[in-house]
Protein backbone atom coordinates (compact mmCIF):
# COMPACT_ATOMS: atom_id res chain seq x y z
CA MET A 1 39.71 -10.78 -11.94
CA GLU A 2 36.36 -10.50 -9.95
CA GLU A 3 36.70 -8.63 -6.68
CA ARG A 4 36.55 -10.81 -3.62
CA ALA A 5 33.85 -10.06 -1.01
CA ALA A 6 32.55 -11.11 2.32
CA LEU A 7 28.89 -11.65 3.25
CA ALA A 8 27.40 -10.65 6.67
CA THR A 9 23.95 -11.92 7.67
CA VAL A 10 21.62 -11.16 10.60
CA VAL A 11 20.88 -14.67 12.03
CA ALA A 12 19.21 -13.61 15.21
CA THR A 13 17.62 -10.52 16.84
CA ARG A 14 16.66 -9.83 20.52
CA ARG A 15 14.37 -6.97 21.68
CA SER A 16 14.11 -3.94 19.28
CA ALA A 17 16.39 -4.52 16.22
CA PRO A 18 16.87 -2.33 13.30
CA ARG A 19 16.92 -5.02 10.69
CA PRO A 20 15.22 -8.40 10.52
CA VAL A 21 16.75 -11.83 10.54
CA GLY A 22 18.09 -12.52 7.08
CA SER A 23 19.16 -8.89 6.33
CA LYS A 24 22.48 -9.00 4.47
CA LEU A 25 25.70 -6.61 3.80
CA VAL A 26 28.21 -7.40 1.28
CA VAL A 27 31.61 -6.10 2.00
CA PHE A 28 33.93 -5.92 -1.02
CA GLU A 29 37.80 -6.04 -0.83
CA SER A 30 37.83 -2.44 -2.00
CA GLY A 31 35.69 -1.31 1.01
CA ARG A 32 32.55 -0.93 -1.04
CA LEU A 33 29.48 -1.92 0.87
CA HIS A 34 26.05 -3.20 -0.38
CA GLY A 35 23.13 -3.77 1.78
CA SER A 36 22.67 -3.43 5.56
CA VAL A 37 22.48 -5.30 8.87
CA SER A 38 21.68 -2.46 11.19
CA GLY A 39 20.95 0.77 9.31
CA GLY A 40 24.23 2.07 10.03
CA CYS A 41 24.73 1.43 13.67
CA VAL A 42 27.36 -1.49 13.44
CA GLU A 43 28.24 -1.58 9.63
CA SER A 44 31.64 -0.07 10.32
CA ASP A 45 32.79 -2.73 12.69
CA VAL A 46 31.22 -5.56 10.48
CA ALA A 47 33.22 -4.10 7.45
CA GLU A 48 36.45 -4.25 9.39
CA GLN A 49 35.66 -7.83 10.64
CA ALA A 50 34.63 -8.83 7.00
CA LYS A 51 38.06 -7.49 5.63
CA GLU A 52 39.76 -9.97 7.91
CA VAL A 53 37.65 -12.74 6.56
CA ILE A 54 38.49 -11.64 3.06
CA ALA A 55 42.25 -11.58 4.02
CA GLY A 56 42.07 -15.44 5.02
CA GLY A 57 40.35 -15.19 8.43
CA GLU A 58 37.78 -17.75 9.70
CA PRO A 59 34.08 -17.04 9.37
CA ARG A 60 32.79 -15.64 12.45
CA LEU A 61 29.62 -15.17 14.48
CA LEU A 62 29.37 -11.76 16.19
CA THR A 63 27.02 -10.18 18.78
CA TYR A 64 26.24 -6.61 18.89
CA GLY A 65 24.22 -4.84 21.56
CA ILE A 66 24.40 -1.88 24.07
CA THR A 67 25.15 -1.22 27.54
CA ASP A 68 25.83 2.28 29.22
CA ASP A 69 29.46 1.87 28.77
CA GLU A 70 29.10 1.24 25.14
CA ALA A 71 26.61 4.09 24.44
CA TRP A 72 29.32 6.11 22.61
CA GLY A 73 31.02 3.18 21.00
CA ILE A 74 29.85 0.48 18.51
CA GLY A 75 26.33 -0.74 19.47
CA LEU A 76 22.76 -0.50 18.91
CA PRO A 77 21.06 2.69 20.38
CA CYS A 78 17.76 1.13 19.99
CA GLY A 79 18.48 -1.17 22.89
CA GLY A 80 18.33 -4.50 21.02
CA GLU A 81 20.79 -7.10 20.13
CA ILE A 82 21.66 -8.93 16.89
CA ASP A 83 23.85 -11.77 15.86
CA VAL A 84 25.74 -11.43 12.61
CA PHE A 85 27.56 -14.17 10.81
CA ILE A 86 30.39 -13.20 8.38
CA GLN A 87 31.78 -15.51 5.73
CA MET A 88 33.30 -15.35 2.22
CA LEU A 89 30.84 -14.69 -0.58
CA GLU A 90 31.12 -17.45 -3.00
CA GLY A 91 29.57 -16.64 -6.30
CA GLU A 92 26.27 -14.56 -6.38
CA LEU A 93 24.12 -13.72 -3.41
CA PRO A 94 21.79 -16.65 -2.31
CA GLN A 95 18.52 -16.60 -4.15
CA ASP A 96 15.17 -17.63 -2.77
CA GLY A 97 14.07 -21.20 -3.70
CA ASP A 98 11.97 -23.94 -2.46
CA ASP A 99 14.31 -25.19 0.26
CA ALA A 100 15.89 -23.64 3.20
CA ARG A 101 19.68 -22.86 3.19
CA LEU A 102 21.51 -24.05 6.27
CA THR A 103 24.83 -22.42 7.40
CA VAL A 104 27.02 -23.79 10.02
CA LEU A 105 27.71 -20.87 12.41
CA GLU A 106 30.60 -22.16 14.74
CA GLY A 107 33.14 -24.91 15.09
CA PRO A 108 35.53 -26.36 12.48
CA ARG A 109 32.66 -26.59 9.70
CA ALA A 110 31.66 -22.84 10.27
CA GLY A 111 30.51 -21.46 6.90
CA GLN A 112 29.53 -24.73 5.26
CA GLN A 113 26.07 -24.71 3.67
CA TRP A 114 23.56 -27.01 2.26
CA LEU A 115 19.80 -27.10 1.24
CA ALA A 116 17.22 -28.83 3.34
CA ASP A 117 13.35 -28.95 3.77
CA VAL A 118 12.87 -26.95 6.77
CA GLU A 119 9.64 -24.95 7.53
CA GLY A 120 8.90 -22.02 9.94
CA PRO A 121 10.71 -18.77 10.12
CA SER A 122 14.51 -18.18 9.52
CA ARG A 123 16.24 -18.99 12.78
CA VAL A 124 19.14 -20.43 14.53
CA LEU A 125 18.97 -24.08 15.67
CA GLU A 126 21.00 -26.95 17.07
CA LEU A 127 21.43 -29.59 14.41
CA ASP A 128 23.63 -32.74 15.18
CA GLY A 129 25.47 -30.83 17.90
CA GLU A 130 26.14 -27.73 15.81
CA LYS A 131 24.75 -24.34 15.76
CA VAL A 132 23.13 -23.76 12.40
CA PHE A 133 21.22 -20.97 10.78
CA ALA A 134 18.37 -22.00 8.72
CA GLU A 135 17.41 -19.30 6.26
CA VAL A 136 13.87 -20.30 5.05
CA PRO A 137 12.75 -18.53 1.75
CA ALA A 138 10.27 -15.78 2.62
CA VAL A 139 6.76 -15.97 1.18
CA ARG A 140 6.07 -13.66 -1.40
CA LEU A 141 2.85 -11.69 -0.88
CA ARG A 142 0.48 -10.91 -3.69
CA LEU A 143 -1.69 -8.04 -4.26
CA VAL A 144 -4.71 -8.38 -6.50
CA VAL A 145 -6.53 -5.29 -7.58
CA VAL A 146 -10.07 -5.28 -9.10
CA GLY A 147 -10.44 -2.09 -11.39
CA ALA A 148 -8.11 -0.70 -13.93
CA THR A 149 -7.72 2.78 -12.44
CA ASP A 150 -4.97 5.21 -11.72
CA THR A 151 -5.09 4.13 -8.06
CA ALA A 152 -4.46 0.57 -9.19
CA GLU A 153 -1.27 1.60 -10.99
CA GLU A 154 -0.18 3.41 -7.79
CA LEU A 155 -1.11 0.42 -5.71
CA CYS A 156 0.91 -1.99 -7.78
CA ARG A 157 3.86 0.40 -8.21
CA ALA A 158 4.12 0.65 -4.29
CA ALA A 159 3.41 -2.92 -3.68
CA GLY A 160 6.09 -3.88 -6.32
CA ALA A 161 8.54 -1.82 -4.35
CA LEU A 162 7.81 -4.05 -1.33
CA GLY A 163 8.72 -7.02 -3.33
CA TRP A 164 5.14 -8.17 -3.78
CA GLY A 165 3.51 -9.80 -6.82
CA THR A 166 0.80 -7.67 -8.31
CA THR A 167 -2.15 -8.34 -10.63
CA VAL A 168 -5.06 -6.17 -11.90
CA VAL A 169 -8.29 -7.63 -13.01
CA ASP A 170 -10.96 -5.76 -15.21
CA PRO A 171 -13.18 -6.85 -17.99
CA ARG A 172 -12.69 -3.70 -19.92
CA PRO A 173 -9.91 -4.22 -22.49
CA GLY A 174 -9.78 -0.57 -23.30
CA LEU A 175 -8.50 0.27 -19.58
CA VAL A 176 -6.40 -2.83 -19.18
CA THR A 177 -3.26 -1.69 -21.13
CA ARG A 178 0.38 -1.51 -20.52
CA GLU A 179 0.28 2.27 -21.38
CA ARG A 180 -2.15 2.95 -18.53
CA LEU A 181 -0.78 0.24 -16.14
CA PRO A 182 3.07 -0.22 -16.50
CA SER A 183 3.71 -1.47 -13.05
CA PRO A 184 1.55 -4.58 -12.49
CA ASP A 185 3.18 -7.95 -12.92
CA GLU A 186 0.11 -9.28 -14.56
CA LEU A 187 -3.03 -7.85 -16.32
CA VAL A 188 -6.15 -10.01 -16.42
CA VAL A 189 -8.98 -9.04 -18.75
CA ALA A 190 -11.97 -11.03 -17.27
CA TRP A 191 -14.91 -10.39 -15.07
CA PRO A 192 -13.90 -10.08 -11.44
CA ASP A 193 -15.31 -13.45 -10.40
CA GLU A 194 -13.72 -15.37 -13.28
CA GLY A 195 -10.42 -13.61 -12.93
CA LEU A 196 -10.17 -14.10 -9.17
CA GLU A 197 -11.07 -17.76 -9.28
CA LYS A 198 -8.35 -18.30 -11.83
CA LEU A 199 -5.81 -16.75 -9.46
CA GLU A 200 -6.56 -19.15 -6.60
CA LEU A 201 -6.70 -16.75 -3.79
CA ASN A 202 -4.77 -17.80 -0.61
CA GLY A 203 -3.67 -16.77 2.78
CA ASP A 204 -0.71 -14.82 1.33
CA THR A 205 -2.90 -12.55 -1.08
CA ALA A 206 -4.65 -9.21 -0.45
CA VAL A 207 -7.41 -8.13 -2.66
CA VAL A 208 -8.38 -4.50 -3.22
CA VAL A 209 -11.63 -3.60 -5.23
CA LEU A 210 -11.37 -0.23 -6.78
CA THR A 211 -14.41 -0.29 -8.89
CA HIS A 212 -17.70 1.60 -8.10
CA GLU A 213 -20.02 -0.49 -10.09
CA GLU A 214 -22.36 -3.04 -8.62
CA ARG A 215 -22.04 -5.35 -11.60
CA LEU A 216 -18.26 -5.42 -10.82
CA ASP A 217 -18.28 -5.04 -7.05
CA VAL A 218 -20.69 -7.75 -6.06
CA PRO A 219 -19.00 -10.71 -8.01
CA ALA A 220 -15.46 -9.44 -7.06
CA LEU A 221 -16.16 -9.18 -3.38
CA THR A 222 -18.35 -12.33 -3.37
CA THR A 223 -15.54 -14.30 -4.68
CA ALA A 224 -12.82 -12.66 -2.57
CA LEU A 225 -14.58 -13.08 0.62
CA ALA A 226 -15.52 -16.66 -0.15
CA GLY A 227 -11.74 -17.41 -0.52
CA GLU A 228 -8.82 -17.26 1.85
CA PRO A 229 -6.99 -13.90 1.31
CA PHE A 230 -5.77 -12.27 4.40
CA TYR A 231 -7.06 -8.96 3.41
CA VAL A 232 -10.32 -7.94 1.35
CA GLY A 233 -10.94 -4.25 0.99
CA ALA A 234 -13.03 -1.94 -1.19
CA ILE A 235 -13.00 1.78 -1.55
CA GLY A 236 -16.20 3.90 -1.48
CA SER A 237 -18.10 6.15 0.77
CA ARG A 238 -19.98 4.95 3.74
CA LYS A 239 -23.26 5.25 1.84
CA THR A 240 -21.70 3.17 -0.88
CA GLN A 241 -20.44 0.46 1.56
CA ALA A 242 -23.85 0.18 3.14
CA LYS A 243 -25.65 -0.61 -0.28
CA ARG A 244 -22.80 -2.84 -1.25
CA ARG A 245 -23.34 -4.77 1.96
CA GLU A 246 -27.02 -5.27 1.22
CA ARG A 247 -26.32 -6.53 -2.26
CA LEU A 248 -23.66 -8.85 -0.92
CA LEU A 249 -26.17 -10.33 1.53
CA GLU A 250 -28.70 -10.68 -1.32
CA ALA A 251 -26.20 -12.50 -3.33
CA GLY A 252 -25.99 -15.08 -0.44
CA LEU A 253 -22.78 -14.02 1.22
CA PRO A 254 -23.05 -15.04 4.94
CA GLU A 255 -22.97 -12.30 7.51
CA GLU A 256 -19.85 -13.32 9.14
CA ARG A 257 -17.83 -13.26 5.89
CA LEU A 258 -18.82 -9.59 5.42
CA ASP A 259 -17.24 -8.85 8.83
CA GLY A 260 -13.98 -9.45 7.08
CA LEU A 261 -14.35 -6.66 4.58
CA ALA A 262 -12.33 -3.43 4.98
CA GLY A 263 -14.60 -0.78 3.65
CA PRO A 264 -13.72 1.99 3.14
CA ALA A 265 -10.35 0.45 2.51
CA GLY A 266 -7.25 2.27 4.11
CA LEU A 267 -6.29 3.94 7.16
CA ASP A 268 -7.13 7.30 8.16
CA LEU A 269 -4.31 9.34 6.69
CA GLY A 270 -6.08 12.27 5.12
CA ALA A 271 -5.23 10.73 1.61
CA ASP A 272 -6.49 12.50 -1.40
CA THR A 273 -4.59 11.71 -4.42
CA PRO A 274 -4.22 8.16 -6.10
CA ALA A 275 -0.66 7.93 -4.71
CA GLU A 276 -1.69 8.99 -1.27
CA THR A 277 -4.73 6.57 -1.45
CA ALA A 278 -2.31 3.71 -2.34
CA VAL A 279 -0.30 4.40 0.69
CA SER A 280 -3.33 4.46 2.95
CA ILE A 281 -4.49 1.10 1.67
CA LEU A 282 -1.19 -0.58 1.67
CA ALA A 283 -0.60 0.69 5.24
CA GLU A 284 -3.76 -0.99 6.35
CA VAL A 285 -2.87 -4.28 4.40
CA LEU A 286 0.55 -4.24 6.20
CA ALA A 287 -1.11 -3.61 9.49
CA VAL A 288 -3.65 -6.58 9.02
CA ARG A 289 -0.83 -8.76 7.97
CA ALA A 290 1.03 -8.03 11.12
CA GLY A 291 -2.05 -8.22 13.41
CA ARG A 292 -1.58 -4.41 14.34
CA SER A 293 -4.21 -1.70 14.38
CA GLY A 294 -2.35 0.77 12.33
CA GLY A 295 -2.16 3.55 14.92
CA ARG A 296 0.73 5.91 15.82
CA LEU A 297 3.88 4.33 16.87
CA ALA A 298 4.37 7.04 19.30
CA GLU A 299 1.28 5.98 21.04
CA ARG A 300 2.17 2.36 21.19
CA SER A 301 3.71 0.58 24.28
CA GLY A 302 4.66 -2.71 22.72
CA PRO A 303 7.34 -3.75 20.33
CA ILE A 304 7.66 -1.58 17.28
CA HIS A 305 8.61 -4.48 14.93
CA ALA A 306 6.27 -7.22 13.97
């Protein structure tokens, strides 16, 4: 007999919240926990509420925040507020698909779910007089790396841990092997311009060029910058970047397009090894995606979370 379990989902956040909307915690009948809704701040109470649901209680919508009186009790020390919906887990955890999953949060139909075509971020909305959580499938970001180097492997391994799709493009078949590059989802043996054109770069794609050869750099960057990736970066010294810029202009790339090139790619972290360089580059990619500068959080006055 399979162990029964309840599912807790963050359906809304206000101010600074430790986990984003859509975060989940599975509470098993035995007390075992899987996942998180707050990073440990309210999990104990959510688990107790979930046990009541498993025992036959009604699904419930809970709000967790903090006041001065609650500072030593159950709450969020970050000063934020979250709404968590708890219901029985029927079957497997919901999987990402093409349609949004709608869940009624209150009233006699609480817990009832169906799929619908809803766009925008996951959010709580009013639908036919009911409070409903619309969980919209997250867009899967994609990292395309030009150049089958050791840094490419580290970039793909780290991006894969973030849940991104990863591809490496390089025309040299001796370098594009699974022995050298076990982490990428896809290996493409082709000249950069041909390979990138086949991948149909869009606004959910980041392109990083790791080659140091003009014959590879120019077609790769010309194609990437002519497309719609949200990030295009290239490694290399400032001298290399200056020469590369001249070659790209000679190749006919408009000046304004070149302004979108991050070169040298990465944040100023003092990175040295391939793994450190990958962290530096991915940090910049994330910052660009969120519209942030990539500075130190300790020096930021605005919200921490994007």
